[in-house]
Amino acid sequence: MKIENHHTKLYYDKQQQKATALAVGVYQLIRTNSHN
């Protein structure tokens, strides 16, 4: 049970990381486009 919980947290952290990276990428893109 403990291992499964740890695995779930690891998966959640990875998804969170992906979402953050995506948000940052979109933000950078918007900033670049608004400057041009």
C-alpha atoms as a PDB file:
ATOM      1  CA  MET A   1       0.000   0.000   0.000  1.00  0.00           C
ATOM      2  CA  LYS A   2       2.800   2.359   0.919  1.00  0.00           C
ATOM      3  CA  ILE A   3       4.590   1.692  -2.363  1.00  0.00           C
ATOM      4  CA  GLU A   4       1.429   2.385  -4.347  1.00  0.00           C
ATOM      5  CA  ASN A   5       0.895   5.685  -2.541  1.00  0.00           C
ATOM      6  CA  HIS A   6       4.485   6.666  -3.268  1.00  0.00           C
ATOM      7  CA  HIS A   7       4.050   5.713  -6.923  1.00  0.00           C
ATOM      8  CA  THR A   8       0.869   7.771  -7.149  1.00  0.00           C
ATOM      9  CA  LYS A   9       2.604  10.784  -5.636  1.00  0.00           C
ATOM     10  CA  LEU A  10       5.497  10.365  -8.067  1.00  0.00           C
ATOM     11  CA  TYR A  11       3.050  10.242 -10.983  1.00  0.00           C
ATOM     12  CA  TYR A  12       1.199  13.291  -9.681  1.00  0.00           C
ATOM     13  CA  ASP A  13       4.462  15.217  -9.298  1.00  0.00           C
ATOM     14  CA  LYS A  14       5.411  14.385 -12.895  1.00  0.00           C
ATOM     15  CA  GLN A  15       2.040  15.569 -14.186  1.00  0.00           C
ATOM     16  CA  GLN A  16       2.365  18.733 -12.108  1.00  0.00           C
ATOM     17  CA  GLN A  17       5.823  19.315 -13.583  1.00  0.00           C
ATOM     18  CA  LYS A  18       4.495  18.867 -17.119  1.00  0.00           C
ATOM     19  CA  ALA A  19       1.619  21.258 -16.498  1.00  0.00           C
ATOM     20  CA  THR A  20       3.985  23.867 -15.069  1.00  0.00           C
ATOM     21  CA  ALA A  21       6.379  23.541 -18.000  1.00  0.00           C
ATOM     22  CA  LEU A  22       3.481  23.871 -20.430  1.00  0.00           C
ATOM     23  CA  ALA A  23       2.125  26.956 -18.657  1.00  0.00           C
ATOM     24  CA  VAL A  24       5.565  28.573 -18.678  1.00  0.00           C
ATOM     25  CA  GLY A  25       5.999  27.789 -22.373  1.00  0.00           C
ATOM     26  CA  VAL A  26       2.624  29.310 -23.261  1.00  0.00           C
ATOM     27  CA  TYR A  27       3.366  32.353 -21.095  1.00  0.00           C
ATOM     28  CA  GLN A  28       6.709  32.906 -22.828  1.00  0.00           C
ATOM     29  CA  LEU A  29       5.034  32.524 -26.223  1.00  0.00           C
ATOM     30  CA  ILE A  30       2.344  35.098 -25.375  1.00  0.00           C
ATOM     31  CA  ARG A  31       4.933  37.545 -24.054  1.00  0.00           C
ATOM     32  CA  THR A  32       7.050  37.161 -27.201  1.00  0.00           C
ATOM     33  CA  ASN A  33       4.048  37.621 -29.485  1.00  0.00           C
ATOM     34  CA  SER A  34       2.793  40.702 -27.661  1.00  0.00           C
ATOM     35  CA  HIS A  35       6.203  42.366 -27.989  1.00  0.00           C
ATOM     36  CA  ASN A  36       6.321  41.884 -31.760  1.00  0.00           C
END
